[in-house]
Amino acid sequence: MNLTLSPPTVQVLIIPPLQEVPVVRMERCTETLKPGMDATAERWMRVRRAMSREDQVYVERLAGMIKSHAREGIHAFDDPLEAAVFSVLVELMKELERKRNKGQQLVLGT
C-alpha cells in the first residue's frame, strides 16, 4: 500500500473593500412633527361637535394635551398620531398622580 500525502487545499476568498456609505440620520424636529400633532388636535376638535355636551369638555382637554406637547416637540416619534396619543397618555398619568398625591379617589366611567 502506497500512501502519498498531498498538501491540504486552501481556498482563499478575496473580499473587496467595503465602500463607505454615508450615514444619513433622519431626526425629527419640532417643525416637522408639530404640524401633524396640531392637525390631529384639530380633527379631534371637529369630532367634538358630534359628541354630547358632557363629552365635549373632555375632547377639548385631550386636544389641549396634544397641543401642549406639540410645542415641546417629541423627537422620538415618526408618526404624529403616535406622538399625540403618547402626549395624552403622559398628561393623563400626570393627572392621576396629582389626584393620588392629594388623596383623591379616581372615579372612572360614571
N, C-alpha and C. Protein backbone atom coordinates (compact mmCIF):
# COMPACT_ATOMS: atom_id res chain seq x y z
N MET A 1 0.84 -1.14 0.00
CA MET A 1 0.00 0.00 0.00
C MET A 1 0.91 1.23 0.00
N ASN A 2 0.68 2.04 -0.98
CA ASN A 2 1.49 3.22 -1.13
C ASN A 2 0.65 4.45 -0.82
N LEU A 3 0.98 5.13 0.25
CA LEU A 3 0.24 6.34 0.63
C LEU A 3 1.07 7.56 0.29
N THR A 4 0.47 8.41 -0.43
CA THR A 4 1.15 9.67 -0.70
C THR A 4 0.32 10.78 -0.07
N LEU A 5 0.99 11.63 0.59
CA LEU A 5 0.30 12.75 1.23
C LEU A 5 0.40 13.96 0.33
N SER A 6 -0.72 14.55 0.10
CA SER A 6 -0.72 15.79 -0.68
C SER A 6 -1.00 16.95 0.28
N PRO A 7 -0.47 18.09 -0.04
CA PRO A 7 -0.71 19.23 0.86
C PRO A 7 -2.19 19.57 0.89
N PRO A 8 -2.66 20.07 2.02
CA PRO A 8 -4.09 20.41 2.11
C PRO A 8 -4.44 21.54 1.15
N THR A 9 -5.64 21.47 0.66
CA THR A 9 -6.11 22.50 -0.25
C THR A 9 -6.63 23.67 0.57
N VAL A 10 -6.18 24.84 0.23
CA VAL A 10 -6.61 26.04 0.93
C VAL A 10 -7.33 26.92 -0.08
N GLN A 11 -8.50 27.29 0.25
CA GLN A 11 -9.23 28.21 -0.61
C GLN A 11 -9.19 29.59 0.03
N VAL A 12 -8.88 30.55 -0.79
CA VAL A 12 -8.81 31.92 -0.30
C VAL A 12 -9.95 32.71 -0.92
N LEU A 13 -10.68 33.34 -0.08
CA LEU A 13 -11.78 34.17 -0.53
C LEU A 13 -11.34 35.62 -0.46
N ILE A 14 -11.35 36.27 -1.56
CA ILE A 14 -10.93 37.67 -1.59
C ILE A 14 -12.18 38.54 -1.56
N ILE A 15 -12.26 39.34 -0.54
CA ILE A 15 -13.40 40.24 -0.36
C ILE A 15 -12.94 41.65 -0.70
N PRO A 16 -13.63 42.26 -1.64
CA PRO A 16 -13.24 43.64 -1.97
C PRO A 16 -13.52 44.56 -0.79
N PRO A 17 -12.78 45.63 -0.66
CA PRO A 17 -13.02 46.54 0.46
C PRO A 17 -14.40 47.17 0.35
N LEU A 18 -15.01 47.37 1.50
CA LEU A 18 -16.32 47.99 1.55
C LEU A 18 -16.22 49.47 1.23
N GLN A 19 -17.16 49.90 0.46
CA GLN A 19 -17.20 51.33 0.19
C GLN A 19 -17.92 51.99 1.36
N GLU A 20 -17.45 53.14 1.72
CA GLU A 20 -18.11 53.84 2.80
C GLU A 20 -19.42 54.41 2.29
N VAL A 21 -20.46 54.08 3.01
CA VAL A 21 -21.78 54.58 2.67
C VAL A 21 -22.09 55.69 3.66
N PRO A 22 -22.44 56.85 3.15
CA PRO A 22 -22.74 57.93 4.09
C PRO A 22 -23.96 57.58 4.94
N VAL A 23 -23.86 57.84 6.20
CA VAL A 23 -24.95 57.58 7.13
C VAL A 23 -25.80 58.84 7.21
N VAL A 24 -27.05 58.66 6.89
CA VAL A 24 -27.98 59.79 6.97
C VAL A 24 -28.93 59.52 8.11
N ARG A 25 -28.86 60.35 9.11
CA ARG A 25 -29.75 60.21 10.26
C ARG A 25 -30.93 61.13 10.06
N MET A 26 -32.10 60.54 10.08
CA MET A 26 -33.30 61.36 9.96
C MET A 26 -33.79 61.66 11.35
N GLU A 27 -33.64 62.86 11.75
CA GLU A 27 -34.08 63.26 13.07
C GLU A 27 -35.33 64.12 12.93
N ARG A 28 -36.26 63.82 13.77
CA ARG A 28 -37.48 64.62 13.80
C ARG A 28 -37.17 65.91 14.53
N CYS A 29 -37.70 66.95 14.04
CA CYS A 29 -37.56 68.21 14.78
C CYS A 29 -38.96 68.76 14.99
N THR A 30 -39.05 69.70 15.85
CA THR A 30 -40.35 70.26 16.21
C THR A 30 -41.09 70.74 14.98
N GLU A 31 -40.37 71.31 14.02
CA GLU A 31 -41.03 71.87 12.84
C GLU A 31 -41.71 70.81 12.00
N THR A 32 -41.22 69.57 11.99
CA THR A 32 -41.84 68.54 11.15
C THR A 32 -42.92 67.77 11.88
N LEU A 33 -42.83 67.63 13.19
CA LEU A 33 -43.80 66.85 13.95
C LEU A 33 -44.98 67.71 14.41
N LYS A 34 -44.75 68.94 14.74
CA LYS A 34 -45.78 69.82 15.29
C LYS A 34 -46.99 69.97 14.37
N PRO A 35 -46.81 70.20 13.06
CA PRO A 35 -48.00 70.34 12.21
C PRO A 35 -48.89 69.10 12.23
N GLY A 36 -48.30 67.92 12.26
CA GLY A 36 -49.09 66.69 12.30
C GLY A 36 -49.84 66.54 13.61
N MET A 37 -49.18 66.90 14.71
CA MET A 37 -49.84 66.82 16.01
C MET A 37 -50.95 67.86 16.10
N ASP A 38 -50.70 69.05 15.59
CA ASP A 38 -51.73 70.09 15.59
C ASP A 38 -52.93 69.67 14.74
N ALA A 39 -52.65 69.03 13.60
CA ALA A 39 -53.73 68.55 12.73
C ALA A 39 -54.57 67.50 13.44
N THR A 40 -53.92 66.63 14.21
CA THR A 40 -54.65 65.62 14.98
C THR A 40 -55.56 66.29 16.00
N ALA A 41 -55.02 67.27 16.71
CA ALA A 41 -55.83 68.00 17.71
C ALA A 41 -57.01 68.70 17.04
N GLU A 42 -56.79 69.28 15.87
CA GLU A 42 -57.87 69.95 15.14
C GLU A 42 -58.95 68.96 14.70
N ARG A 43 -58.52 67.78 14.24
CA ARG A 43 -59.51 66.75 13.85
C ARG A 43 -60.33 66.33 15.06
N TRP A 44 -59.67 66.16 16.20
CA TRP A 44 -60.39 65.78 17.41
C TRP A 44 -61.39 66.87 17.80
N MET A 45 -61.02 68.12 17.61
CA MET A 45 -61.93 69.21 17.93
C MET A 45 -63.14 69.22 16.99
N ARG A 46 -62.96 68.84 15.75
CA ARG A 46 -64.08 68.76 14.81
C ARG A 46 -65.04 67.64 15.23
N VAL A 47 -64.49 66.54 15.71
CA VAL A 47 -65.31 65.41 16.17
C VAL A 47 -66.10 65.81 17.41
N ARG A 48 -65.54 66.71 18.18
CA ARG A 48 -66.17 67.17 19.43
C ARG A 48 -67.60 67.62 19.19
N ARG A 49 -67.84 68.30 18.07
CA ARG A 49 -69.18 68.83 17.79
C ARG A 49 -70.25 67.74 17.74
N ALA A 50 -69.84 66.54 17.35
CA ALA A 50 -70.81 65.44 17.23
C ALA A 50 -71.05 64.73 18.57
N MET A 51 -70.32 65.13 19.58
CA MET A 51 -70.42 64.44 20.87
C MET A 51 -71.36 65.19 21.81
N SER A 52 -71.74 64.51 22.87
CA SER A 52 -72.62 65.14 23.86
C SER A 52 -71.88 66.30 24.53
N ARG A 53 -72.62 67.24 25.08
CA ARG A 53 -72.01 68.40 25.75
C ARG A 53 -71.08 67.95 26.88
N GLU A 54 -71.48 66.92 27.57
CA GLU A 54 -70.66 66.41 28.67
C GLU A 54 -69.30 65.93 28.16
N ASP A 55 -69.30 65.24 27.03
CA ASP A 55 -68.05 64.70 26.48
C ASP A 55 -67.21 65.75 25.76
N GLN A 56 -67.85 66.81 25.28
CA GLN A 56 -67.12 67.85 24.58
C GLN A 56 -66.02 68.47 25.44
N VAL A 57 -66.29 68.60 26.71
CA VAL A 57 -65.30 69.16 27.64
C VAL A 57 -64.04 68.28 27.65
N TYR A 58 -64.24 66.99 27.65
CA TYR A 58 -63.10 66.07 27.69
C TYR A 58 -62.31 66.09 26.39
N VAL A 59 -63.03 66.20 25.27
CA VAL A 59 -62.35 66.28 23.98
C VAL A 59 -61.48 67.53 23.93
N GLU A 60 -62.00 68.62 24.44
CA GLU A 60 -61.22 69.86 24.48
C GLU A 60 -59.95 69.68 25.31
N ARG A 61 -60.08 69.00 26.43
CA ARG A 61 -58.90 68.76 27.28
C ARG A 61 -57.89 67.87 26.58
N LEU A 62 -58.38 66.83 25.89
CA LEU A 62 -57.47 65.93 25.17
C LEU A 62 -56.72 66.68 24.06
N ALA A 63 -57.45 67.49 23.31
CA ALA A 63 -56.82 68.26 22.24
C ALA A 63 -55.79 69.23 22.83
N GLY A 64 -56.11 69.81 23.97
CA GLY A 64 -55.17 70.71 24.64
C GLY A 64 -53.91 69.99 25.09
N MET A 65 -54.07 68.74 25.53
CA MET A 65 -52.91 67.94 25.94
C MET A 65 -51.97 67.71 24.76
N ILE A 66 -52.56 67.43 23.60
CA ILE A 66 -51.75 67.21 22.40
C ILE A 66 -50.98 68.48 22.05
N LYS A 67 -51.69 69.60 22.05
CA LYS A 67 -51.07 70.86 21.67
C LYS A 67 -49.96 71.26 22.63
N SER A 68 -50.12 70.95 23.91
CA SER A 68 -49.08 71.33 24.87
C SER A 68 -47.78 70.56 24.60
N HIS A 69 -47.90 69.32 24.19
CA HIS A 69 -46.70 68.54 23.89
C HIS A 69 -46.18 68.80 22.48
N ALA A 70 -47.03 69.25 21.58
CA ALA A 70 -46.58 69.56 20.22
C ALA A 70 -45.60 70.73 20.26
N ARG A 71 -45.82 71.65 21.19
CA ARG A 71 -44.90 72.78 21.32
C ARG A 71 -43.54 72.31 21.81
N GLU A 72 -43.54 71.30 22.66
CA GLU A 72 -42.27 70.77 23.18
C GLU A 72 -41.49 70.06 22.08
N GLY A 73 -42.21 69.38 21.25
CA GLY A 73 -41.56 68.58 20.21
C GLY A 73 -41.10 67.25 20.78
N ILE A 74 -41.71 66.20 20.34
CA ILE A 74 -41.34 64.86 20.80
C ILE A 74 -40.56 64.22 19.67
N HIS A 75 -39.27 64.17 19.81
CA HIS A 75 -38.38 63.80 18.71
C HIS A 75 -38.28 62.30 18.47
N ALA A 76 -38.73 61.48 19.37
CA ALA A 76 -38.53 60.04 19.22
C ALA A 76 -39.55 59.40 18.28
N PHE A 77 -40.59 60.13 17.94
CA PHE A 77 -41.65 59.55 17.12
C PHE A 77 -41.55 60.00 15.67
N ASP A 78 -41.92 59.11 14.77
CA ASP A 78 -42.02 59.45 13.36
C ASP A 78 -43.47 59.73 12.97
N ASP A 79 -44.39 59.19 13.74
CA ASP A 79 -45.81 59.30 13.43
C ASP A 79 -46.45 60.34 14.34
N PRO A 80 -47.00 61.41 13.79
CA PRO A 80 -47.63 62.44 14.62
C PRO A 80 -48.79 61.92 15.46
N LEU A 81 -49.54 60.95 14.94
CA LEU A 81 -50.65 60.40 15.72
C LEU A 81 -50.12 59.65 16.94
N GLU A 82 -49.06 58.89 16.75
CA GLU A 82 -48.46 58.18 17.89
C GLU A 82 -47.96 59.18 18.92
N ALA A 83 -47.34 60.25 18.47
CA ALA A 83 -46.87 61.28 19.38
C ALA A 83 -48.03 61.93 20.11
N ALA A 84 -49.15 62.14 19.40
CA ALA A 84 -50.33 62.75 20.02
C ALA A 84 -50.91 61.85 21.10
N VAL A 85 -51.08 60.58 20.79
CA VAL A 85 -51.63 59.64 21.78
C VAL A 85 -50.68 59.51 22.96
N PHE A 86 -49.40 59.45 22.70
CA PHE A 86 -48.41 59.39 23.77
C PHE A 86 -48.53 60.62 24.67
N SER A 87 -48.68 61.78 24.07
CA SER A 87 -48.82 63.02 24.85
C SER A 87 -50.03 62.97 25.76
N VAL A 88 -51.14 62.49 25.23
CA VAL A 88 -52.35 62.38 26.03
C VAL A 88 -52.14 61.41 27.20
N LEU A 89 -51.51 60.29 26.91
CA LEU A 89 -51.27 59.32 27.98
C LEU A 89 -50.37 59.89 29.07
N VAL A 90 -49.34 60.63 28.68
CA VAL A 90 -48.46 61.25 29.67
C VAL A 90 -49.25 62.22 30.54
N GLU A 91 -50.07 63.05 29.92
CA GLU A 91 -50.85 64.02 30.68
C GLU A 91 -51.86 63.33 31.61
N LEU A 92 -52.48 62.25 31.13
CA LEU A 92 -53.41 61.51 31.99
C LEU A 92 -52.69 60.88 33.18
N MET A 93 -51.50 60.37 32.95
CA MET A 93 -50.73 59.79 34.05
C MET A 93 -50.35 60.87 35.06
N LYS A 94 -49.98 62.04 34.58
CA LYS A 94 -49.65 63.14 35.49
C LYS A 94 -50.87 63.56 36.30
N GLU A 95 -52.03 63.61 35.66
CA GLU A 95 -53.26 63.96 36.36
C GLU A 95 -53.61 62.92 37.41
N LEU A 96 -53.44 61.66 37.06
CA LEU A 96 -53.70 60.57 38.00
C LEU A 96 -52.77 60.68 39.21
N GLU A 97 -51.51 60.96 38.96
CA GLU A 97 -50.53 61.10 40.05
C GLU A 97 -50.88 62.28 40.95
N ARG A 98 -51.31 63.39 40.36
CA ARG A 98 -51.71 64.56 41.17
C ARG A 98 -52.88 64.20 42.07
N LYS A 99 -53.85 63.46 41.54
CA LYS A 99 -55.01 63.07 42.35
C LYS A 99 -54.58 62.13 43.48
N ARG A 100 -53.69 61.22 43.19
CA ARG A 100 -53.21 60.31 44.23
C ARG A 100 -52.49 61.07 45.34
N ASN A 101 -51.68 62.03 44.94
CA ASN A 101 -50.92 62.81 45.92
C ASN A 101 -51.84 63.65 46.80
N LYS A 102 -52.98 64.06 46.26
CA LYS A 102 -53.95 64.83 47.05
C LYS A 102 -54.87 63.93 47.84
N GLY A 103 -54.75 62.62 47.64
CA GLY A 103 -55.60 61.66 48.35
C GLY A 103 -57.00 61.57 47.78
N GLN A 104 -57.17 62.04 46.57
CA GLN A 104 -58.49 61.97 45.94
C GLN A 104 -58.68 60.62 45.30
N GLN A 105 -59.91 60.16 45.33
CA GLN A 105 -60.23 58.88 44.71
C GLN A 105 -60.53 59.11 43.23
N LEU A 106 -60.02 58.24 42.39
CA LEU A 106 -60.25 58.33 40.96
C LEU A 106 -61.54 57.59 40.62
N VAL A 107 -62.44 58.28 39.93
CA VAL A 107 -63.71 57.68 39.53
C VAL A 107 -63.71 57.56 38.02
N LEU A 108 -63.83 56.34 37.53
CA LEU A 108 -63.85 56.10 36.08
C LEU A 108 -65.24 55.79 35.61
N GLY A 109 -65.61 56.31 34.43
CA GLY A 109 -66.85 55.96 33.76
C GLY A 109 -68.08 56.05 34.61
N THR A 110 -68.59 57.23 34.78
CA THR A 110 -69.81 57.38 35.59
C THR A 110 -71.03 57.16 34.77
